[in-house]
Every structure is written in C-alpha cells, then in structure tokens.
Amino acid sequence: MLSRTTEYALRAAIYLAKAGDENTTAQAIASATIVPEGYMSKVLNTLARAGVVTSRRGPTGGFSLAIDPKNLTMLEVVEAVEPLPRIKSCPLDIAEHDGALCPLHAVLAELVDGVEARLISTTIADLLQEQIQPLGDIPRCDFPPSPKKPEE
C-alpha cells in the first residue's frame, strides 16, 4: 500500500531522529538506511520542501529533523512524499452509484481510513522504542548507529 519512496522517507526520518540535532549528509543517511544515494537525496529534498526536515549547506551542512520526533507522526512523513489515496466517489463514474461508494470502494476507503488512523497515532519517536506493541518480542529494524556527537 505504501510506496518505496514512502518507506525510504520513513527510514530517513527514523535515522535523523536517532541523530538528534546533528546535521547528517544524504550520503550517510542513504548508506545507513540501505537506499540508493540519488534516490535518498530526492526524498530528503521533498521532505525539506514539506518542512519535515531542514537542509543546511556547507562543510557542517546536511539534514536534520525540523520537528521533534515526539511530535512528528508517521502520517506527516507519508503525506509529505506521497499522500494516501482517498476515495470520495466512485472512480468508475457509474451513474447508478449516484455519488455513493459501491461496496468494493467503500471497503477500500475504510482500509485507507484505518491505515491513516494508525499512521497518525504513531510518532517517529515511538518507532525508536526497543519494542512496539503488539509486536511483542520482535525487535525493531535498526540502522547502523548515528554518528557520535563530539564530547562537549
């Protein structure tokens, strides 16, 4: 249901949440999240245009989250790159439906509503937890550790 681009955007958001306020290059994010660098650059630029990440140029430049991971929902990341498909009327334009959804499209619309509810109720910070219920003992995906910040 979610595209590869959307998953890559979520991977980037999770990685940047782990990195904290540190700027991280597109190359480092791509390498750590196992995404082609060119593809990740496009995803990050899309997220920057949507205000999900900030981009800084220069020797200490890179990308960082623009929103606290505790306040950034999965839905915000998804909608930034590829909004969920909404079915509001019969896509087949069948006159007999009179603007209502047929049983097939009504179920598909409910499915999208359920996905949306789950995405809006889960923050990027939630995804950083060791365990997420109801997954139980299944550990989360873990990218290589974010670069260490210099000691202050």
N, C-alpha and C. Protein backbone atom coordinates (compact mmCIF):
# COMPACT_ATOMS: atom_id res chain seq x y z
N MET A 1 0.82 -1.19 0.00
CA MET A 1 0.00 0.00 0.00
C MET A 1 0.87 1.26 0.00
N LEU A 2 1.97 1.23 0.73
CA LEU A 2 2.87 2.38 0.73
C LEU A 2 4.00 2.14 -0.26
N SER A 3 4.36 3.18 -0.96
CA SER A 3 5.39 3.05 -1.99
C SER A 3 6.78 2.94 -1.39
N ARG A 4 7.71 2.59 -2.24
CA ARG A 4 9.11 2.53 -1.83
C ARG A 4 9.58 3.91 -1.38
N THR A 5 9.17 4.94 -2.10
CA THR A 5 9.55 6.30 -1.74
C THR A 5 9.09 6.64 -0.33
N THR A 6 7.87 6.24 0.00
CA THR A 6 7.33 6.49 1.33
C THR A 6 8.13 5.76 2.39
N GLU A 7 8.45 4.50 2.13
CA GLU A 7 9.25 3.76 3.11
C GLU A 7 10.62 4.41 3.28
N TYR A 8 11.24 4.84 2.20
CA TYR A 8 12.54 5.49 2.29
C TYR A 8 12.45 6.77 3.12
N ALA A 9 11.36 7.52 2.96
CA ALA A 9 11.17 8.74 3.75
C ALA A 9 11.05 8.40 5.23
N LEU A 10 10.34 7.34 5.54
CA LEU A 10 10.22 6.91 6.94
C LEU A 10 11.56 6.45 7.50
N ARG A 11 12.34 5.73 6.69
CA ARG A 11 13.68 5.31 7.14
C ARG A 11 14.54 6.53 7.45
N ALA A 12 14.48 7.54 6.56
CA ALA A 12 15.27 8.75 6.76
C ALA A 12 14.85 9.47 8.04
N ALA A 13 13.54 9.57 8.27
CA ALA A 13 13.05 10.25 9.47
C ALA A 13 13.51 9.53 10.74
N ILE A 14 13.47 8.21 10.72
CA ILE A 14 13.91 7.44 11.89
C ILE A 14 15.41 7.66 12.11
N TYR A 15 16.18 7.59 11.04
CA TYR A 15 17.63 7.78 11.16
C TYR A 15 17.95 9.17 11.71
N LEU A 16 17.27 10.19 11.16
CA LEU A 16 17.53 11.56 11.61
C LEU A 16 17.08 11.77 13.06
N ALA A 17 16.04 11.08 13.46
CA ALA A 17 15.61 11.16 14.87
C ALA A 17 16.70 10.62 15.78
N LYS A 18 17.35 9.54 15.35
CA LYS A 18 18.45 8.98 16.14
C LYS A 18 19.64 9.94 16.18
N ALA A 19 19.84 10.69 15.11
CA ALA A 19 20.99 11.60 15.02
C ALA A 19 20.79 12.86 15.86
N GLY A 20 19.57 13.13 16.29
CA GLY A 20 19.30 14.31 17.10
C GLY A 20 19.45 15.59 16.29
N ASP A 21 20.08 16.59 16.87
CA ASP A 21 20.23 17.89 16.21
C ASP A 21 21.38 17.93 15.22
N GLU A 22 22.14 16.86 15.16
CA GLU A 22 23.31 16.82 14.28
C GLU A 22 22.89 16.78 12.81
N ASN A 23 23.55 17.58 11.98
CA ASN A 23 23.31 17.53 10.54
C ASN A 23 23.97 16.29 9.97
N THR A 24 23.26 15.60 9.10
CA THR A 24 23.76 14.36 8.51
C THR A 24 23.63 14.47 7.00
N THR A 25 24.66 14.06 6.28
CA THR A 25 24.63 14.15 4.82
C THR A 25 23.68 13.12 4.23
N ALA A 26 23.20 13.43 3.04
CA ALA A 26 22.34 12.49 2.32
C ALA A 26 23.08 11.18 2.07
N GLN A 27 24.37 11.28 1.79
CA GLN A 27 25.17 10.08 1.54
C GLN A 27 25.20 9.18 2.78
N ALA A 28 25.41 9.77 3.95
CA ALA A 28 25.46 8.98 5.19
C ALA A 28 24.10 8.35 5.49
N ILE A 29 23.03 9.11 5.27
CA ILE A 29 21.69 8.58 5.52
C ILE A 29 21.39 7.44 4.56
N ALA A 30 21.72 7.64 3.29
CA ALA A 30 21.48 6.61 2.27
C ALA A 30 22.24 5.33 2.59
N SER A 31 23.49 5.48 2.96
CA SER A 31 24.32 4.32 3.27
C SER A 31 23.76 3.55 4.47
N ALA A 32 23.41 4.28 5.52
CA ALA A 32 22.93 3.65 6.75
C ALA A 32 21.57 2.99 6.59
N THR A 33 20.73 3.56 5.72
CA THR A 33 19.36 3.05 5.57
C THR A 33 19.20 2.14 4.36
N ILE A 34 20.30 1.87 3.69
CA ILE A 34 20.33 0.95 2.54
C ILE A 34 19.39 1.44 1.43
N VAL A 35 19.60 2.69 1.02
CA VAL A 35 18.82 3.33 -0.04
C VAL A 35 19.82 3.94 -1.03
N PRO A 36 19.57 3.82 -2.34
CA PRO A 36 20.48 4.47 -3.30
C PRO A 36 20.60 5.97 -2.99
N GLU A 37 21.82 6.48 -3.07
CA GLU A 37 22.08 7.86 -2.67
C GLU A 37 21.26 8.88 -3.45
N GLY A 38 21.18 8.72 -4.76
CA GLY A 38 20.40 9.66 -5.58
C GLY A 38 18.94 9.67 -5.19
N TYR A 39 18.41 8.49 -4.92
CA TYR A 39 17.01 8.36 -4.51
C TYR A 39 16.81 9.04 -3.16
N MET A 40 17.72 8.79 -2.21
CA MET A 40 17.60 9.39 -0.89
C MET A 40 17.68 10.91 -0.97
N SER A 41 18.55 11.43 -1.84
CA SER A 41 18.65 12.89 -1.99
C SER A 41 17.32 13.49 -2.42
N LYS A 42 16.65 12.84 -3.37
CA LYS A 42 15.34 13.32 -3.83
C LYS A 42 14.32 13.26 -2.70
N VAL A 43 14.32 12.17 -1.95
CA VAL A 43 13.39 12.02 -0.84
C VAL A 43 13.63 13.11 0.21
N LEU A 44 14.89 13.34 0.55
CA LEU A 44 15.22 14.35 1.56
C LEU A 44 14.83 15.75 1.09
N ASN A 45 15.03 16.05 -0.18
CA ASN A 45 14.64 17.36 -0.70
C ASN A 45 13.12 17.53 -0.66
N THR A 46 12.39 16.46 -0.93
CA THR A 46 10.93 16.51 -0.83
C THR A 46 10.51 16.75 0.61
N LEU A 47 11.15 16.05 1.55
CA LEU A 47 10.84 16.25 2.97
C LEU A 47 11.20 17.67 3.42
N ALA A 48 12.27 18.22 2.86
CA ALA A 48 12.66 19.60 3.21
C ALA A 48 11.62 20.60 2.70
N ARG A 49 11.16 20.41 1.47
CA ARG A 49 10.13 21.31 0.93
C ARG A 49 8.84 21.26 1.75
N ALA A 50 8.55 20.10 2.33
CA ALA A 50 7.35 19.94 3.15
C ALA A 50 7.55 20.41 4.58
N GLY A 51 8.78 20.78 4.95
CA GLY A 51 9.04 21.26 6.30
C GLY A 51 9.26 20.17 7.33
N VAL A 52 9.46 18.94 6.88
CA VAL A 52 9.70 17.83 7.80
C VAL A 52 11.16 17.80 8.23
N VAL A 53 12.06 18.11 7.31
CA VAL A 53 13.49 18.19 7.63
C VAL A 53 14.01 19.56 7.23
N THR A 54 15.15 19.92 7.80
CA THR A 54 15.84 21.14 7.39
C THR A 54 17.11 20.73 6.67
N SER A 55 17.51 21.57 5.75
CA SER A 55 18.70 21.32 4.96
C SER A 55 19.66 22.48 5.13
N ARG A 56 20.91 22.16 5.39
CA ARG A 56 21.93 23.21 5.53
C ARG A 56 23.10 22.88 4.60
N ARG A 57 23.59 23.91 3.95
CA ARG A 57 24.74 23.75 3.05
C ARG A 57 26.03 24.02 3.82
N GLY A 58 27.13 23.64 3.19
CA GLY A 58 28.43 23.96 3.77
C GLY A 58 29.10 22.76 4.40
N PRO A 59 30.31 22.98 4.91
CA PRO A 59 31.10 21.88 5.46
C PRO A 59 30.45 21.18 6.64
N THR A 60 29.63 21.89 7.40
CA THR A 60 28.93 21.25 8.52
C THR A 60 27.45 21.06 8.19
N GLY A 61 27.15 21.12 6.90
CA GLY A 61 25.76 21.01 6.46
C GLY A 61 25.24 19.59 6.45
N GLY A 62 24.02 19.48 6.03
CA GLY A 62 23.36 18.19 5.95
C GLY A 62 21.89 18.36 6.28
N PHE A 63 21.29 17.29 6.71
CA PHE A 63 19.86 17.28 7.02
C PHE A 63 19.64 16.96 8.49
N SER A 64 18.58 17.53 9.03
CA SER A 64 18.13 17.20 10.39
C SER A 64 16.62 17.34 10.42
N LEU A 65 15.99 16.71 11.40
CA LEU A 65 14.54 16.83 11.52
C LEU A 65 14.17 18.26 11.91
N ALA A 66 13.12 18.78 11.30
CA ALA A 66 12.63 20.11 11.63
C ALA A 66 11.57 20.05 12.73
N ILE A 67 11.09 18.85 13.01
CA ILE A 67 10.03 18.64 14.00
C ILE A 67 10.54 17.62 15.02
N ASP A 68 10.26 17.87 16.28
CA ASP A 68 10.65 16.94 17.34
C ASP A 68 10.05 15.56 17.03
N PRO A 69 10.84 14.50 17.10
CA PRO A 69 10.32 13.15 16.79
C PRO A 69 9.12 12.75 17.64
N LYS A 70 8.98 13.34 18.84
CA LYS A 70 7.82 13.05 19.68
C LYS A 70 6.54 13.65 19.11
N ASN A 71 6.70 14.67 18.26
CA ASN A 71 5.55 15.35 17.67
C ASN A 71 5.37 15.05 16.19
N LEU A 72 6.31 14.35 15.60
CA LEU A 72 6.25 14.05 14.17
C LEU A 72 5.60 12.69 13.96
N THR A 73 4.43 12.68 13.35
CA THR A 73 3.73 11.41 13.13
C THR A 73 4.19 10.77 11.83
N MET A 74 3.98 9.47 11.77
CA MET A 74 4.26 8.76 10.53
C MET A 74 3.43 9.35 9.40
N LEU A 75 2.19 9.75 9.70
CA LEU A 75 1.32 10.30 8.66
C LEU A 75 1.92 11.57 8.06
N GLU A 76 2.51 12.42 8.89
CA GLU A 76 3.12 13.65 8.37
C GLU A 76 4.24 13.34 7.38
N VAL A 77 5.03 12.33 7.68
CA VAL A 77 6.11 11.94 6.78
C VAL A 77 5.52 11.37 5.49
N VAL A 78 4.54 10.48 5.63
CA VAL A 78 3.91 9.87 4.46
C VAL A 78 3.27 10.93 3.57
N GLU A 79 2.49 11.82 4.17
CA GLU A 79 1.79 12.85 3.39
C GLU A 79 2.77 13.81 2.73
N ALA A 80 3.96 13.98 3.29
CA ALA A 80 4.95 14.88 2.71
C ALA A 80 5.47 14.36 1.37
N VAL A 81 5.55 13.04 1.23
CA VAL A 81 6.12 12.49 -0.01
C VAL A 81 5.07 11.92 -0.95
N GLU A 82 4.01 11.35 -0.40
CA GLU A 82 3.01 10.72 -1.26
C GLU A 82 1.72 10.53 -0.47
N PRO A 83 0.80 11.49 -0.58
CA PRO A 83 -0.44 11.42 0.20
C PRO A 83 -1.19 10.10 -0.02
N LEU A 84 -1.86 9.65 1.03
CA LEU A 84 -2.67 8.44 0.93
C LEU A 84 -3.79 8.65 -0.08
N PRO A 85 -4.11 7.62 -0.85
CA PRO A 85 -5.19 7.76 -1.84
C PRO A 85 -6.54 7.80 -1.14
N ARG A 86 -7.31 8.82 -1.39
CA ARG A 86 -8.64 8.95 -0.80
C ARG A 86 -9.69 8.63 -1.86
N ILE A 87 -10.68 7.84 -1.48
CA ILE A 87 -11.78 7.51 -2.40
C ILE A 87 -13.02 8.21 -1.85
N LYS A 88 -13.48 9.24 -2.55
CA LYS A 88 -14.64 10.00 -2.09
C LYS A 88 -15.86 9.76 -2.95
N SER A 89 -15.64 9.30 -4.17
CA SER A 89 -16.74 8.96 -5.06
C SER A 89 -16.29 7.80 -5.93
N CYS A 90 -17.23 7.18 -6.62
CA CYS A 90 -16.89 6.02 -7.43
C CYS A 90 -15.88 6.40 -8.51
N PRO A 91 -14.71 5.80 -8.50
CA PRO A 91 -13.72 6.13 -9.52
C PRO A 91 -14.12 5.68 -10.92
N LEU A 92 -15.15 4.84 -11.01
CA LEU A 92 -15.61 4.36 -12.31
C LEU A 92 -16.69 5.26 -12.90
N ASP A 93 -17.12 6.27 -12.15
CA ASP A 93 -18.16 7.20 -12.60
C ASP A 93 -19.43 6.49 -13.05
N ILE A 94 -19.84 5.48 -12.33
CA ILE A 94 -21.06 4.75 -12.66
C ILE A 94 -22.25 5.57 -12.14
N ALA A 95 -23.13 5.96 -13.05
CA ALA A 95 -24.25 6.84 -12.71
C ALA A 95 -25.14 6.26 -11.62
N GLU A 96 -25.33 4.95 -11.62
CA GLU A 96 -26.21 4.31 -10.65
C GLU A 96 -25.71 4.46 -9.21
N HIS A 97 -24.45 4.72 -9.05
CA HIS A 97 -23.91 4.89 -7.70
C HIS A 97 -24.33 6.22 -7.09
N ASP A 98 -24.72 7.15 -7.94
CA ASP A 98 -25.25 8.45 -7.51
C ASP A 98 -24.34 9.12 -6.46
N GLY A 99 -23.05 9.07 -6.70
CA GLY A 99 -22.09 9.72 -5.81
C GLY A 99 -21.69 8.90 -4.60
N ALA A 100 -22.40 7.80 -4.33
CA ALA A 100 -22.06 6.95 -3.19
C ALA A 100 -21.01 5.93 -3.62
N LEU A 101 -20.35 5.37 -2.64
CA LEU A 101 -19.35 4.35 -2.94
C LEU A 101 -20.01 2.98 -3.03
N CYS A 102 -19.60 2.20 -4.01
CA CYS A 102 -20.07 0.82 -4.12
C CYS A 102 -19.41 0.02 -2.99
N PRO A 103 -19.87 -1.21 -2.73
CA PRO A 103 -19.28 -1.99 -1.63
C PRO A 103 -17.76 -2.14 -1.74
N LEU A 104 -17.24 -2.37 -2.93
CA LEU A 104 -15.79 -2.52 -3.09
C LEU A 104 -15.06 -1.26 -2.67
N HIS A 105 -15.48 -0.11 -3.21
CA HIS A 105 -14.77 1.13 -2.92
C HIS A 105 -15.03 1.61 -1.50
N ALA A 106 -16.17 1.24 -0.91
CA ALA A 106 -16.42 1.57 0.49
C ALA A 106 -15.43 0.84 1.40
N VAL A 107 -15.19 -0.44 1.11
CA VAL A 107 -14.22 -1.21 1.90
C VAL A 107 -12.82 -0.65 1.72
N LEU A 108 -12.46 -0.31 0.49
CA LEU A 108 -11.13 0.26 0.24
C LEU A 108 -10.97 1.60 0.97
N ALA A 109 -12.03 2.41 0.99
CA ALA A 109 -11.98 3.69 1.71
C ALA A 109 -11.80 3.45 3.21
N GLU A 110 -12.48 2.44 3.75
CA GLU A 110 -12.32 2.10 5.17
C GLU A 110 -10.90 1.63 5.46
N LEU A 111 -10.33 0.89 4.54
CA LEU A 111 -8.96 0.41 4.70
C LEU A 111 -7.99 1.59 4.80
N VAL A 112 -8.15 2.56 3.91
CA VAL A 112 -7.29 3.74 3.93
C VAL A 112 -7.49 4.51 5.24
N ASP A 113 -8.75 4.60 5.69
CA ASP A 113 -9.02 5.28 6.97
C ASP A 113 -8.30 4.59 8.13
N GLY A 114 -8.29 3.25 8.12
CA GLY A 114 -7.60 2.50 9.17
C GLY A 114 -6.10 2.72 9.14
N VAL A 115 -5.53 2.73 7.94
CA VAL A 115 -4.10 2.98 7.79
C VAL A 115 -3.78 4.39 8.28
N GLU A 116 -4.61 5.35 7.89
CA GLU A 116 -4.40 6.73 8.31
C GLU A 116 -4.44 6.85 9.84
N ALA A 117 -5.40 6.18 10.46
CA ALA A 117 -5.52 6.24 11.92
C ALA A 117 -4.27 5.69 12.59
N ARG A 118 -3.73 4.60 12.07
CA ARG A 118 -2.51 4.02 12.65
C ARG A 118 -1.32 4.94 12.44
N LEU A 119 -1.20 5.53 11.25
CA LEU A 119 -0.08 6.41 10.95
C LEU A 119 -0.12 7.68 11.79
N ILE A 120 -1.31 8.20 12.04
CA ILE A 120 -1.41 9.45 12.81
C ILE A 120 -1.20 9.19 14.30
N SER A 121 -1.42 7.95 14.74
CA SER A 121 -1.26 7.65 16.17
C SER A 121 0.15 7.18 16.52
N THR A 122 1.02 7.08 15.53
CA THR A 122 2.39 6.61 15.77
C THR A 122 3.37 7.71 15.41
N THR A 123 4.19 8.10 16.37
CA THR A 123 5.21 9.12 16.10
C THR A 123 6.53 8.45 15.71
N ILE A 124 7.41 9.24 15.16
CA ILE A 124 8.74 8.74 14.83
C ILE A 124 9.46 8.31 16.12
N ALA A 125 9.24 9.04 17.21
CA ALA A 125 9.84 8.65 18.50
C ALA A 125 9.34 7.28 18.93
N ASP A 126 8.07 6.99 18.68
CA ASP A 126 7.52 5.67 19.02
C ASP A 126 8.31 4.56 18.32
N LEU A 127 8.72 4.82 17.09
CA LEU A 127 9.42 3.81 16.31
C LEU A 127 10.84 3.55 16.81
N LEU A 128 11.34 4.46 17.63
CA LEU A 128 12.68 4.28 18.18
C LEU A 128 12.70 3.43 19.44
N GLN A 129 11.54 3.12 19.96
CA GLN A 129 11.48 2.30 21.17
C GLN A 129 11.99 0.90 20.86
N GLU A 130 12.55 0.25 21.87
CA GLU A 130 13.06 -1.13 21.68
C GLU A 130 11.97 -2.07 21.22
N GLN A 131 10.82 -1.97 21.82
CA GLN A 131 9.70 -2.86 21.49
C GLN A 131 8.47 -2.00 21.23
N ILE A 132 7.72 -2.36 20.22
CA ILE A 132 6.46 -1.68 19.93
C ILE A 132 5.36 -2.72 20.02
N GLN A 133 4.38 -2.47 20.86
CA GLN A 133 3.26 -3.40 20.97
C GLN A 133 2.38 -3.22 19.74
N PRO A 134 1.75 -4.22 19.18
CA PRO A 134 1.63 -5.58 19.67
C PRO A 134 2.69 -6.53 19.12
N LEU A 135 3.84 -6.03 18.70
CA LEU A 135 4.86 -6.89 18.11
C LEU A 135 5.56 -7.77 19.14
N GLY A 136 5.42 -7.43 20.40
CA GLY A 136 5.99 -8.27 21.45
C GLY A 136 7.50 -8.33 21.41
N ASP A 137 8.04 -9.52 21.22
CA ASP A 137 9.48 -9.72 21.29
C ASP A 137 10.22 -9.48 19.98
N ILE A 138 9.52 -9.04 18.96
CA ILE A 138 10.18 -8.80 17.68
C ILE A 138 10.88 -7.44 17.75
N PRO A 139 12.21 -7.40 17.61
CA PRO A 139 12.92 -6.12 17.71
C PRO A 139 12.66 -5.25 16.48
N ARG A 140 12.83 -3.97 16.66
CA ARG A 140 12.66 -3.02 15.56
C ARG A 140 13.80 -3.14 14.57
N CYS A 141 13.59 -2.62 13.36
CA CYS A 141 14.69 -2.51 12.41
C CYS A 141 15.68 -1.53 13.01
N ASP A 142 16.94 -1.81 12.88
CA ASP A 142 17.92 -0.92 13.47
C ASP A 142 18.99 -0.62 12.44
N PHE A 143 19.11 0.64 12.09
CA PHE A 143 20.14 1.06 11.17
C PHE A 143 21.44 1.18 11.96
N PRO A 144 22.56 1.22 11.27
CA PRO A 144 23.82 1.43 12.00
C PRO A 144 23.69 2.67 12.88
N PRO A 145 24.40 2.69 13.98
CA PRO A 145 24.28 3.82 14.90
C PRO A 145 24.54 5.14 14.19
N SER A 146 23.83 6.16 14.62
CA SER A 146 24.05 7.50 14.11
C SER A 146 25.45 7.94 14.50
N PRO A 147 26.03 8.84 13.71
CA PRO A 147 27.37 9.33 14.06
C PRO A 147 27.36 9.91 15.47
N LYS A 148 28.43 9.67 16.20
CA LYS A 148 28.53 10.18 17.57
C LYS A 148 28.77 11.68 17.54
N LYS A 149 28.15 12.35 18.49
CA LYS A 149 28.35 13.79 18.64
C LYS A 149 29.65 14.01 19.39
N PRO A 150 30.40 15.07 19.06
CA PRO A 150 31.63 15.35 19.78
C PRO A 150 31.33 15.65 21.25
N GLU A 151 32.23 15.23 22.12
CA GLU A 151 32.08 15.49 23.55
C GLU A 151 32.16 16.99 23.79
N GLU A 152 31.30 17.46 24.68
CA GLU A 152 31.30 18.90 24.98
C GLU A 152 32.17 19.20 26.16
